[in-house]
């Protein structure tokens, strides 16, 4: 009987040890983690886009880059899903409850190297919300700045929607890196302001927009840069900075914009530049070899 008790105790101890080892987080040295730039070749390779990617990039001739900054945010990406406007999404409904403190938009043609014009960036007067210290560290917008220089939210939304709807009527599209988040924040603010007519228009504009964080698009252009992939690895989705630098690493203007990253005006321009580069790459690789 004593032998069985000792044997059971030994088995139980071994099982607990295994469970602890299995559930413990492995210690990974950050120094061994490869930089994103090391995952790609310096030269692009011919990699024709799929029909689905071509469809997603569209054929519009004009576009509007948009971006928003909010009074707070939640760290980390959420599980991937499809958002309310039909685009890939890494945010939850709770993320869309944060308030708009800055919005930026700019327009351009869709071909690479076309001039960006129509720059607009507006700060919003606080509407019973406080900008967190964490958010200020990210985008540099303080409660004092919006109190002094911010404009009324309905006024800014009206100006933005006039520009967005005019672009839509001219056959243009809006573009953004994580369009569901930017569009969702705008949609919620339109709802709060009771601007239902504009909100109905926004449903049309946002659902026809183009997201450069789209999974199919990301996988295609990363293969075009010869990304090194590990067996069983999930698709790596690049942030805005890393995506842009793949195409424009040596251009001073890009580095100027990146210094102002996380301000709505600069990010809106970067969204256009990335979209133009993707369209240019798709057009190049879609041409038959001669």
C-alpha atoms as a PDB file:
ATOM      1  CA  UNK A   1       0.000   0.000   0.000  1.00  0.00           C
ATOM      2  CA  UNK A   2       2.859   2.337   0.891  1.00  0.00           C
ATOM      3  CA  UNK A   3       4.552   1.514  -2.419  1.00  0.00           C
ATOM      4  CA  UNK A   4       1.401   2.442  -4.360  1.00  0.00           C
ATOM      5  CA  UNK A   5       1.109   5.712  -2.454  1.00  0.00           C
ATOM      6  CA  UNK A   6       4.722   6.601  -3.246  1.00  0.00           C
ATOM      7  CA  UNK A   7       4.222   5.620  -6.878  1.00  0.00           C
ATOM      8  CA  UNK A   8       1.048   7.751  -7.150  1.00  0.00           C
ATOM      9  CA  UNK A   9       2.848  10.670  -5.539  1.00  0.00           C
ATOM     10  CA  UNK A  10       5.717  10.380  -8.016  1.00  0.00           C
ATOM     11  CA  UNK A  11       3.322  10.279 -11.002  1.00  0.00           C
ATOM     12  CA  UNK A  12       1.385  13.247  -9.675  1.00  0.00           C
ATOM     13  CA  UNK A  13       4.587  15.215  -9.151  1.00  0.00           C
ATOM     14  CA  UNK A  14       5.737  14.404 -12.686  1.00  0.00           C
ATOM     15  CA  UNK A  15       2.368  15.450 -14.124  1.00  0.00           C
ATOM     16  CA  UNK A  16       2.450  18.793 -12.297  1.00  0.00           C
ATOM     17  CA  UNK A  17       5.976  19.427 -13.499  1.00  0.00           C
ATOM     18  CA  UNK A  18       4.906  18.732 -17.096  1.00  0.00           C
ATOM     19  CA  UNK A  19       1.880  21.004 -16.819  1.00  0.00           C
ATOM     20  CA  UNK A  20       3.919  23.874 -15.437  1.00  0.00           C
ATOM     21  CA  UNK A  21       6.525  23.448 -18.159  1.00  0.00           C
ATOM     22  CA  UNK A  22       3.850  23.297 -20.847  1.00  0.00           C
ATOM     23  CA  UNK A  23       2.034  26.428 -19.661  1.00  0.00           C
ATOM     24  CA  UNK A  24       5.067  28.549 -18.922  1.00  0.00           C
ATOM     25  CA  UNK A  25       5.908  31.267 -21.444  1.00  0.00           C
ATOM     26  CA  UNK A  26       9.181  30.432 -23.201  1.00  0.00           C
ATOM     27  CA  UNK A  27      12.030  32.835 -22.598  1.00  0.00           C
ATOM     28  CA  UNK A  28      12.885  34.439 -25.936  1.00  0.00           C
ATOM     29  CA  UNK A  29      15.762  36.840 -26.242  1.00  0.00           C
ATOM     30  CA  UNK A  30      14.677  39.967 -28.129  1.00  0.00           C
ATOM     31  CA  UNK A  31      18.215  40.295 -29.435  1.00  0.00           C
ATOM     32  CA  UNK A  32      17.710  37.139 -31.501  1.00  0.00           C
ATOM     33  CA  UNK A  33      14.517  38.393 -33.132  1.00  0.00           C
ATOM     34  CA  UNK A  34      15.244  39.453 -36.749  1.00  0.00           C
ATOM     35  CA  UNK A  35      14.519  42.998 -37.820  1.00  0.00           C
ATOM     36  CA  UNK A  36      11.772  43.434 -40.394  1.00  0.00           C
ATOM     37  CA  UNK A  37      14.241  44.892 -42.892  1.00  0.00           C
ATOM     38  CA  UNK A  38      16.298  41.692 -42.739  1.00  0.00           C
ATOM     39  CA  UNK A  39      13.318  39.620 -43.869  1.00  0.00           C
ATOM     40  CA  UNK A  40      13.308  41.104 -47.360  1.00  0.00           C
ATOM     41  CA  UNK A  41      15.537  41.200 -50.388  1.00  0.00           C
ATOM     42  CA  UNK A  42      16.769  44.607 -51.540  1.00  0.00           C
ATOM     43  CA  UNK A  43      15.473  44.023 -55.064  1.00  0.00           C
ATOM     44  CA  UNK A  44      11.853  43.351 -55.980  1.00  0.00           C
ATOM     45  CA  UNK A  45      11.041  40.246 -57.952  1.00  0.00           C
ATOM     46  CA  UNK A  46       8.299  39.748 -60.516  1.00  0.00           C
ATOM     47  CA  UNK A  47       5.253  38.584 -58.586  1.00  0.00           C
ATOM     48  CA  UNK A  48       1.966  39.074 -60.460  1.00  0.00           C
ATOM     49  CA  UNK A  49      -0.941  39.962 -58.153  1.00  0.00           C
ATOM     50  CA  UNK A  50      -3.875  37.597 -57.964  1.00  0.00           C
ATOM     51  CA  UNK A  51      -7.185  38.578 -59.530  1.00  0.00           C
ATOM     52  CA  UNK A  52      -8.495  39.183 -56.003  1.00  0.00           C
ATOM     53  CA  UNK A  53      -5.694  41.627 -55.193  1.00  0.00           C
ATOM     54  CA  UNK A  54      -6.188  43.443 -58.514  1.00  0.00           C
ATOM     55  CA  UNK A  55      -9.882  43.769 -57.697  1.00  0.00           C
ATOM     56  CA  UNK A  56      -9.143  45.093 -54.213  1.00  0.00           C
ATOM     57  CA  UNK A  57      -6.665  47.691 -55.491  1.00  0.00           C
ATOM     58  CA  UNK A  58      -9.315  48.855 -57.922  1.00  0.00           C
ATOM     59  CA  UNK A  59      -9.075  51.042 -61.001  1.00  0.00           C
ATOM     60  CA  UNK A  60      -9.916  54.477 -59.613  1.00  0.00           C
ATOM     61  CA  UNK A  61      -7.820  57.369 -60.908  1.00  0.00           C
ATOM     62  CA  UNK A  62      -8.051  59.600 -57.833  1.00  0.00           C
ATOM     63  CA  UNK A  63      -7.829  58.795 -54.139  1.00  0.00           C
ATOM     64  CA  UNK A  64      -8.011  60.412 -50.737  1.00  0.00           C
ATOM     65  CA  UNK A  65      -5.781  59.295 -47.907  1.00  0.00           C
ATOM     66  CA  UNK A  66      -7.455  59.611 -44.511  1.00  0.00           C
ATOM     67  CA  UNK A  67      -6.300  59.203 -40.927  1.00  0.00           C
ATOM     68  CA  UNK A  68      -7.644  59.885 -37.436  1.00  0.00           C
ATOM     69  CA  UNK A  69      -6.099  60.354 -34.000  1.00  0.00           C
ATOM     70  CA  UNK A  70      -8.066  59.603 -30.847  1.00  0.00           C
ATOM     71  CA  UNK A  71      -8.057  60.590 -27.191  1.00  0.00           C
ATOM     72  CA  UNK A  72      -6.893  57.126 -26.111  1.00  0.00           C
ATOM     73  CA  UNK A  73      -6.247  53.636 -27.427  1.00  0.00           C
ATOM     74  CA  UNK A  74      -5.832  50.039 -26.309  1.00  0.00           C
ATOM     75  CA  UNK A  75      -2.426  48.427 -26.728  1.00  0.00           C
ATOM     76  CA  UNK A  76      -2.110  45.366 -28.949  1.00  0.00           C
ATOM     77  CA  UNK A  77      -4.013  44.032 -31.931  1.00  0.00           C
ATOM     78  CA  UNK A  78      -7.293  42.218 -31.494  1.00  0.00           C
ATOM     79  CA  UNK A  79      -8.092  38.915 -33.242  1.00  0.00           C
ATOM     80  CA  UNK A  80      -8.585  39.365 -36.965  1.00  0.00           C
ATOM     81  CA  UNK A  81     -12.154  39.755 -38.201  1.00  0.00           C
ATOM     82  CA  UNK A  82     -14.111  41.516 -40.943  1.00  0.00           C
ATOM     83  CA  UNK A  83     -15.400  44.905 -39.831  1.00  0.00           C
ATOM     84  CA  UNK A  84     -18.628  46.776 -40.390  1.00  0.00           C
ATOM     85  CA  UNK A  85     -17.476  48.130 -43.761  1.00  0.00           C
ATOM     86  CA  UNK A  86     -16.275  44.782 -45.106  1.00  0.00           C
ATOM     87  CA  UNK A  87     -12.525  45.240 -44.641  1.00  0.00           C
ATOM     88  CA  UNK A  88     -10.022  43.268 -42.581  1.00  0.00           C
ATOM     89  CA  UNK A  89     -10.007  44.489 -39.000  1.00  0.00           C
ATOM     90  CA  UNK A  90      -7.785  44.199 -35.907  1.00  0.00           C
ATOM     91  CA  UNK A  91      -9.914  46.288 -33.566  1.00  0.00           C
ATOM     92  CA  UNK A  92     -13.039  45.669 -31.511  1.00  0.00           C
ATOM     93  CA  UNK A  93     -16.157  47.767 -31.044  1.00  0.00           C
ATOM     94  CA  UNK A  94     -14.688  49.034 -27.768  1.00  0.00           C
ATOM     95  CA  UNK A  95     -11.796  50.625 -29.704  1.00  0.00           C
ATOM     96  CA  UNK A  96     -14.298  52.665 -31.696  1.00  0.00           C
ATOM     97  CA  UNK A  97     -15.666  54.284 -28.545  1.00  0.00           C
ATOM     98  CA  UNK A  98     -12.597  56.523 -28.278  1.00  0.00           C
ATOM     99  CA  UNK A  99     -13.111  60.111 -29.352  1.00  0.00           C
ATOM    100  CA  UNK A 100     -11.784  61.932 -32.375  1.00  0.00           C
ATOM    101  CA  UNK A 101      -9.191  64.611 -31.565  1.00  0.00           C
ATOM    102  CA  UNK A 102      -7.600  65.059 -35.005  1.00  0.00           C
ATOM    103  CA  UNK A 103      -8.452  64.113 -38.573  1.00  0.00           C
ATOM    104  CA  UNK A 104      -6.370  64.492 -41.718  1.00  0.00           C
ATOM    105  CA  UNK A 105      -7.032  63.950 -45.396  1.00  0.00           C
ATOM    106  CA  UNK A 106      -5.257  64.600 -48.685  1.00  0.00           C
ATOM    107  CA  UNK A 107      -5.990  63.820 -52.339  1.00  0.00           C
ATOM    108  CA  UNK A 108      -3.951  62.672 -55.311  1.00  0.00           C
ATOM    109  CA  UNK A 109      -3.984  60.584 -58.428  1.00  0.00           C
ATOM    110  CA  UNK A 110      -3.527  56.847 -57.924  1.00  0.00           C
ATOM    111  CA  UNK A 111      -0.450  56.391 -60.101  1.00  0.00           C
ATOM    112  CA  UNK A 112       2.944  56.338 -58.423  1.00  0.00           C
ATOM    113  CA  UNK A 113       4.697  59.717 -58.121  1.00  0.00           C
ATOM    114  CA  UNK A 114       1.539  61.746 -58.754  1.00  0.00           C
ATOM    115  CA  UNK A 115       1.539  64.909 -56.675  1.00  0.00           C
ATOM    116  CA  UNK A 116      -0.384  64.915 -53.397  1.00  0.00           C
ATOM    117  CA  UNK A 117      -2.527  68.018 -52.953  1.00  0.00           C
ATOM    118  CA  UNK A 118      -5.487  69.250 -50.967  1.00  0.00           C
ATOM    119  CA  UNK A 119      -3.819  68.671 -47.588  1.00  0.00           C
ATOM    120  CA  UNK A 120      -6.146  69.174 -44.626  1.00  0.00           C
ATOM    121  CA  UNK A 121      -5.644  68.522 -40.918  1.00  0.00           C
ATOM    122  CA  UNK A 122      -8.076  69.567 -38.207  1.00  0.00           C
ATOM    123  CA  UNK A 123      -8.006  69.344 -34.433  1.00  0.00           C
ATOM    124  CA  UNK A 124     -11.251  68.822 -32.573  1.00  0.00           C
ATOM    125  CA  UNK A 125     -12.485  70.698 -29.511  1.00  0.00           C
ATOM    126  CA  UNK A 126     -12.868  68.349 -26.531  1.00  0.00           C
ATOM    127  CA  UNK A 127     -16.371  66.953 -26.157  1.00  0.00           C
ATOM    128  CA  UNK A 128     -16.490  65.690 -22.579  1.00  0.00           C
ATOM    129  CA  UNK A 129     -13.329  63.650 -23.134  1.00  0.00           C
ATOM    130  CA  UNK A 130      -9.764  63.824 -21.889  1.00  0.00           C
ATOM    131  CA  UNK A 131      -6.705  62.920 -23.946  1.00  0.00           C
ATOM    132  CA  UNK A 132      -4.693  60.323 -22.053  1.00  0.00           C
ATOM    133  CA  UNK A 133      -0.981  60.762 -21.397  1.00  0.00           C
ATOM    134  CA  UNK A 134      -0.363  57.573 -23.379  1.00  0.00           C
ATOM    135  CA  UNK A 135      -2.147  58.971 -26.427  1.00  0.00           C
ATOM    136  CA  UNK A 136      -0.326  62.302 -26.156  1.00  0.00           C
ATOM    137  CA  UNK A 137       3.026  60.492 -26.171  1.00  0.00           C
ATOM    138  CA  UNK A 138       1.967  58.795 -29.397  1.00  0.00           C
ATOM    139  CA  UNK A 139       0.574  61.688 -31.435  1.00  0.00           C
ATOM    140  CA  UNK A 140       1.747  64.759 -29.508  1.00  0.00           C
ATOM    141  CA  UNK A 141      -1.721  66.285 -29.118  1.00  0.00           C
ATOM    142  CA  UNK A 142      -2.434  67.675 -25.657  1.00  0.00           C
ATOM    143  CA  UNK A 143      -5.644  68.700 -23.938  1.00  0.00           C
ATOM    144  CA  UNK A 144      -4.342  72.271 -23.890  1.00  0.00           C
ATOM    145  CA  UNK A 145      -3.793  72.301 -27.676  1.00  0.00           C
ATOM    146  CA  UNK A 146      -7.245  71.042 -28.579  1.00  0.00           C
ATOM    147  CA  UNK A 147      -8.831  73.437 -26.093  1.00  0.00           C
ATOM    148  CA  UNK A 148      -6.997  76.372 -27.704  1.00  0.00           C
ATOM    149  CA  UNK A 149      -6.965  75.404 -31.374  1.00  0.00           C
ATOM    150  CA  UNK A 150      -9.634  72.739 -31.795  1.00  0.00           C
ATOM    151  CA  UNK A 151     -12.733  73.267 -33.920  1.00  0.00           C
ATOM    152  CA  UNK A 152     -16.272  72.078 -33.134  1.00  0.00           C
ATOM    153  CA  UNK A 153     -16.740  68.421 -34.075  1.00  0.00           C
ATOM    154  CA  UNK A 154     -19.858  68.907 -36.287  1.00  0.00           C
ATOM    155  CA  UNK A 155     -18.044  71.615 -38.252  1.00  0.00           C
ATOM    156  CA  UNK A 156     -15.027  69.393 -38.917  1.00  0.00           C
ATOM    157  CA  UNK A 157     -17.169  66.389 -39.833  1.00  0.00           C
ATOM    158  CA  UNK A 158     -19.201  68.493 -42.271  1.00  0.00           C
ATOM    159  CA  UNK A 159     -16.041  69.773 -43.975  1.00  0.00           C
ATOM    160  CA  UNK A 160     -14.554  66.292 -44.173  1.00  0.00           C
ATOM    161  CA  UNK A 161     -17.722  64.641 -45.487  1.00  0.00           C
ATOM    162  CA  UNK A 162     -18.175  67.279 -48.199  1.00  0.00           C
ATOM    163  CA  UNK A 163     -14.647  66.491 -49.402  1.00  0.00           C
ATOM    164  CA  UNK A 164     -15.100  62.694 -49.130  1.00  0.00           C
ATOM    165  CA  UNK A 165     -18.455  62.664 -50.916  1.00  0.00           C
ATOM    166  CA  UNK A 166     -17.203  64.954 -53.683  1.00  0.00           C
ATOM    167  CA  UNK A 167     -14.304  62.548 -54.221  1.00  0.00           C
ATOM    168  CA  UNK A 168     -16.733  59.610 -54.361  1.00  0.00           C
ATOM    169  CA  UNK A 169     -18.944  61.357 -56.920  1.00  0.00           C
ATOM    170  CA  UNK A 170     -15.841  61.971 -59.036  1.00  0.00           C
ATOM    171  CA  UNK A 171     -15.104  58.230 -59.052  1.00  0.00           C
ATOM    172  CA  UNK A 172     -12.402  58.363 -56.387  1.00  0.00           C
ATOM    173  CA  UNK A 173     -11.734  56.125 -53.376  1.00  0.00           C
ATOM    174  CA  UNK A 174     -10.505  56.672 -49.842  1.00  0.00           C
ATOM    175  CA  UNK A 175      -7.424  54.737 -48.699  1.00  0.00           C
ATOM    176  CA  UNK A 176      -5.998  53.984 -45.285  1.00  0.00           C
ATOM    177  CA  UNK A 177      -3.768  51.544 -43.416  1.00  0.00           C
ATOM    178  CA  UNK A 178      -6.406  49.839 -41.211  1.00  0.00           C
ATOM    179  CA  UNK A 179      -9.390  51.496 -42.832  1.00  0.00           C
ATOM    180  CA  UNK A 180     -11.892  49.807 -40.519  1.00  0.00           C
ATOM    181  CA  UNK A 181     -10.533  51.646 -37.493  1.00  0.00           C
ATOM    182  CA  UNK A 182     -10.407  55.088 -39.114  1.00  0.00           C
ATOM    183  CA  UNK A 183     -13.811  54.620 -40.752  1.00  0.00           C
ATOM    184  CA  UNK A 184     -15.347  53.239 -37.573  1.00  0.00           C
ATOM    185  CA  UNK A 185     -14.211  56.203 -35.476  1.00  0.00           C
ATOM    186  CA  UNK A 186     -15.674  58.627 -38.036  1.00  0.00           C
ATOM    187  CA  UNK A 187     -18.898  56.620 -38.231  1.00  0.00           C
ATOM    188  CA  UNK A 188     -19.364  56.697 -34.458  1.00  0.00           C
ATOM    189  CA  UNK A 189     -18.776  60.460 -34.329  1.00  0.00           C
ATOM    190  CA  UNK A 190     -21.308  61.036 -37.105  1.00  0.00           C
ATOM    191  CA  UNK A 191     -23.777  59.005 -35.051  1.00  0.00           C
ATOM    192  CA  UNK A 192     -23.098  61.032 -31.893  1.00  0.00           C
ATOM    193  CA  UNK A 193     -23.642  64.271 -33.796  1.00  0.00           C
ATOM    194  CA  UNK A 194     -26.919  63.055 -35.286  1.00  0.00           C
ATOM    195  CA  UNK A 195     -25.578  63.506 -38.839  1.00  0.00           C
ATOM    196  CA  UNK A 196     -27.509  60.553 -40.237  1.00  0.00           C
ATOM    197  CA  UNK A 197     -27.579  61.752 -43.842  1.00  0.00           C
ATOM    198  CA  UNK A 198     -23.809  62.011 -43.909  1.00  0.00           C
ATOM    199  CA  UNK A 199     -23.547  58.733 -42.052  1.00  0.00           C
ATOM    200  CA  UNK A 200     -25.477  56.982 -44.842  1.00  0.00           C
ATOM    201  CA  UNK A 201     -23.100  58.507 -47.373  1.00  0.00           C
ATOM    202  CA  UNK A 202     -20.137  57.421 -45.265  1.00  0.00           C
ATOM    203  CA  UNK A 203     -21.354  53.821 -45.362  1.00  0.00           C
ATOM    204  CA  UNK A 204     -21.039  53.942 -49.151  1.00  0.00           C
ATOM    205  CA  UNK A 205     -17.669  55.725 -49.190  1.00  0.00           C
ATOM    206  CA  UNK A 206     -16.027  53.561 -46.518  1.00  0.00           C
ATOM    207  CA  UNK A 207     -17.304  50.246 -47.869  1.00  0.00           C
ATOM    208  CA  UNK A 208     -15.809  51.067 -51.282  1.00  0.00           C
ATOM    209  CA  UNK A 209     -12.530  52.266 -49.798  1.00  0.00           C
ATOM    210  CA  UNK A 210      -9.181  50.467 -49.990  1.00  0.00           C
ATOM    211  CA  UNK A 211      -7.266  49.176 -46.982  1.00  0.00           C
ATOM    212  CA  UNK A 212      -3.515  48.675 -47.464  1.00  0.00           C
ATOM    213  CA  UNK A 213      -3.475  46.392 -44.422  1.00  0.00           C
ATOM    214  CA  UNK A 214      -5.589  43.871 -46.342  1.00  0.00           C
ATOM    215  CA  UNK A 215      -4.273  40.325 -45.813  1.00  0.00           C
ATOM    216  CA  UNK A 216      -4.231  39.323 -49.493  1.00  0.00           C
ATOM    217  CA  UNK A 217      -2.553  42.555 -50.542  1.00  0.00           C
ATOM    218  CA  UNK A 218       0.044  42.321 -47.780  1.00  0.00           C
ATOM    219  CA  UNK A 219       0.918  38.716 -48.595  1.00  0.00           C
ATOM    220  CA  UNK A 220       1.313  39.547 -52.298  1.00  0.00           C
ATOM    221  CA  UNK A 221       3.604  42.554 -52.016  1.00  0.00           C
ATOM    222  CA  UNK A 222       5.721  40.926 -49.321  1.00  0.00           C
ATOM    223  CA  UNK A 223       6.344  37.991 -51.674  1.00  0.00           C
ATOM    224  CA  UNK A 224       7.297  40.546 -54.327  1.00  0.00           C
ATOM    225  CA  UNK A 225      10.069  41.684 -51.990  1.00  0.00           C
ATOM    226  CA  UNK A 226      11.177  38.090 -51.370  1.00  0.00           C
ATOM    227  CA  UNK A 227      10.146  37.830 -47.757  1.00  0.00           C
ATOM    228  CA  UNK A 228      11.763  34.918 -45.979  1.00  0.00           C
ATOM    229  CA  UNK A 229       9.074  32.754 -44.428  1.00  0.00           C
ATOM    230  CA  UNK A 230       9.335  30.100 -41.750  1.00  0.00           C
ATOM    231  CA  UNK A 231       7.472  26.813 -41.955  1.00  0.00           C
ATOM    232  CA  UNK A 232       4.010  27.157 -40.471  1.00  0.00           C
ATOM    233  CA  UNK A 233       4.383  30.909 -40.019  1.00  0.00           C
ATOM    234  CA  UNK A 234       1.298  33.054 -40.328  1.00  0.00           C
ATOM    235  CA  UNK A 235       1.234  35.982 -42.744  1.00  0.00           C
ATOM    236  CA  UNK A 236       3.208  38.893 -41.370  1.00  0.00           C
ATOM    237  CA  UNK A 237       1.234  42.118 -41.608  1.00  0.00           C
ATOM    238  CA  UNK A 238       3.535  45.121 -41.727  1.00  0.00           C
ATOM    239  CA  UNK A 239       2.809  48.389 -39.999  1.00  0.00           C
ATOM    240  CA  UNK A 240       2.615  51.607 -42.004  1.00  0.00           C
ATOM    241  CA  UNK A 241       6.244  52.629 -41.507  1.00  0.00           C
ATOM    242  CA  UNK A 242       7.728  49.283 -42.548  1.00  0.00           C
ATOM    243  CA  UNK A 243       5.363  48.981 -45.517  1.00  0.00           C
ATOM    244  CA  UNK A 244       6.237  52.436 -46.818  1.00  0.00           C
ATOM    245  CA  UNK A 245       9.983  51.988 -46.345  1.00  0.00           C
ATOM    246  CA  UNK A 246       9.993  48.907 -48.583  1.00  0.00           C
ATOM    247  CA  UNK A 247       9.135  51.188 -51.497  1.00  0.00           C
ATOM    248  CA  UNK A 248      10.630  54.547 -50.536  1.00  0.00           C
ATOM    249  CA  UNK A 249      13.583  53.815 -48.258  1.00  0.00           C
ATOM    250  CA  UNK A 250      15.932  56.337 -49.922  1.00  0.00           C
ATOM    251  CA  UNK A 251      13.518  59.227 -50.399  1.00  0.00           C
ATOM    252  CA  UNK A 252      14.045  62.186 -48.014  1.00  0.00           C
ATOM    253  CA  UNK A 253      10.387  63.250 -48.213  1.00  0.00           C
ATOM    254  CA  UNK A 254       9.303  59.921 -46.735  1.00  0.00           C
ATOM    255  CA  UNK A 255      11.622  60.302 -43.770  1.00  0.00           C
ATOM    256  CA  UNK A 256      10.283  63.812 -43.198  1.00  0.00           C
ATOM    257  CA  UNK A 257       6.758  62.431 -43.040  1.00  0.00           C
ATOM    258  CA  UNK A 258       7.800  59.544 -40.793  1.00  0.00           C
ATOM    259  CA  UNK A 259       9.189  62.033 -38.279  1.00  0.00           C
ATOM    260  CA  UNK A 260       5.609  63.327 -37.995  1.00  0.00           C
ATOM    261  CA  UNK A 261       4.054  59.840 -37.959  1.00  0.00           C
ATOM    262  CA  UNK A 262       0.922  59.478 -35.829  1.00  0.00           C
ATOM    263  CA  UNK A 263      -0.238  62.946 -36.752  1.00  0.00           C
ATOM    264  CA  UNK A 264      -3.294  62.692 -38.971  1.00  0.00           C
ATOM    265  CA  UNK A 265      -2.029  64.872 -41.805  1.00  0.00           C
ATOM    266  CA  UNK A 266       1.301  63.072 -42.225  1.00  0.00           C
ATOM    267  CA  UNK A 267      -0.253  59.615 -41.979  1.00  0.00           C
ATOM    268  CA  UNK A 268      -2.908  60.532 -44.552  1.00  0.00           C
ATOM    269  CA  UNK A 269      -0.119  61.368 -47.006  1.00  0.00           C
ATOM    270  CA  UNK A 270       1.749  58.159 -46.181  1.00  0.00           C
ATOM    271  CA  UNK A 271      -1.434  56.188 -46.856  1.00  0.00           C
ATOM    272  CA  UNK A 272      -1.594  57.681 -50.340  1.00  0.00           C
ATOM    273  CA  UNK A 273       2.098  57.024 -51.038  1.00  0.00           C
ATOM    274  CA  UNK A 274       1.784  53.387 -50.017  1.00  0.00           C
ATOM    275  CA  UNK A 275      -1.323  52.925 -52.133  1.00  0.00           C
ATOM    276  CA  UNK A 276       0.351  54.536 -55.145  1.00  0.00           C
ATOM    277  CA  UNK A 277       3.333  52.199 -54.727  1.00  0.00           C
ATOM    278  CA  UNK A 278       1.075  49.144 -54.524  1.00  0.00           C
ATOM    279  CA  UNK A 279      -0.824  50.157 -57.648  1.00  0.00           C
ATOM    280  CA  UNK A 280       2.470  50.790 -59.439  1.00  0.00           C
ATOM    281  CA  UNK A 281       3.842  47.405 -58.421  1.00  0.00           C
ATOM    282  CA  UNK A 282       0.640  45.657 -59.507  1.00  0.00           C
ATOM    283  CA  UNK A 283       0.653  47.404 -62.885  1.00  0.00           C
ATOM    284  CA  UNK A 284       4.324  46.524 -63.435  1.00  0.00           C
ATOM    285  CA  UNK A 285       4.005  42.868 -62.513  1.00  0.00           C
ATOM    286  CA  UNK A 286       0.723  42.446 -64.386  1.00  0.00           C
ATOM    287  CA  UNK A 287       2.425  43.277 -67.675  1.00  0.00           C
ATOM    288  CA  UNK A 288       3.459  40.248 -69.758  1.00  0.00           C
ATOM    289  CA  UNK A 289       7.193  39.629 -69.973  1.00  0.00           C
ATOM    290  CA  UNK A 290       8.804  40.403 -73.327  1.00  0.00           C
END
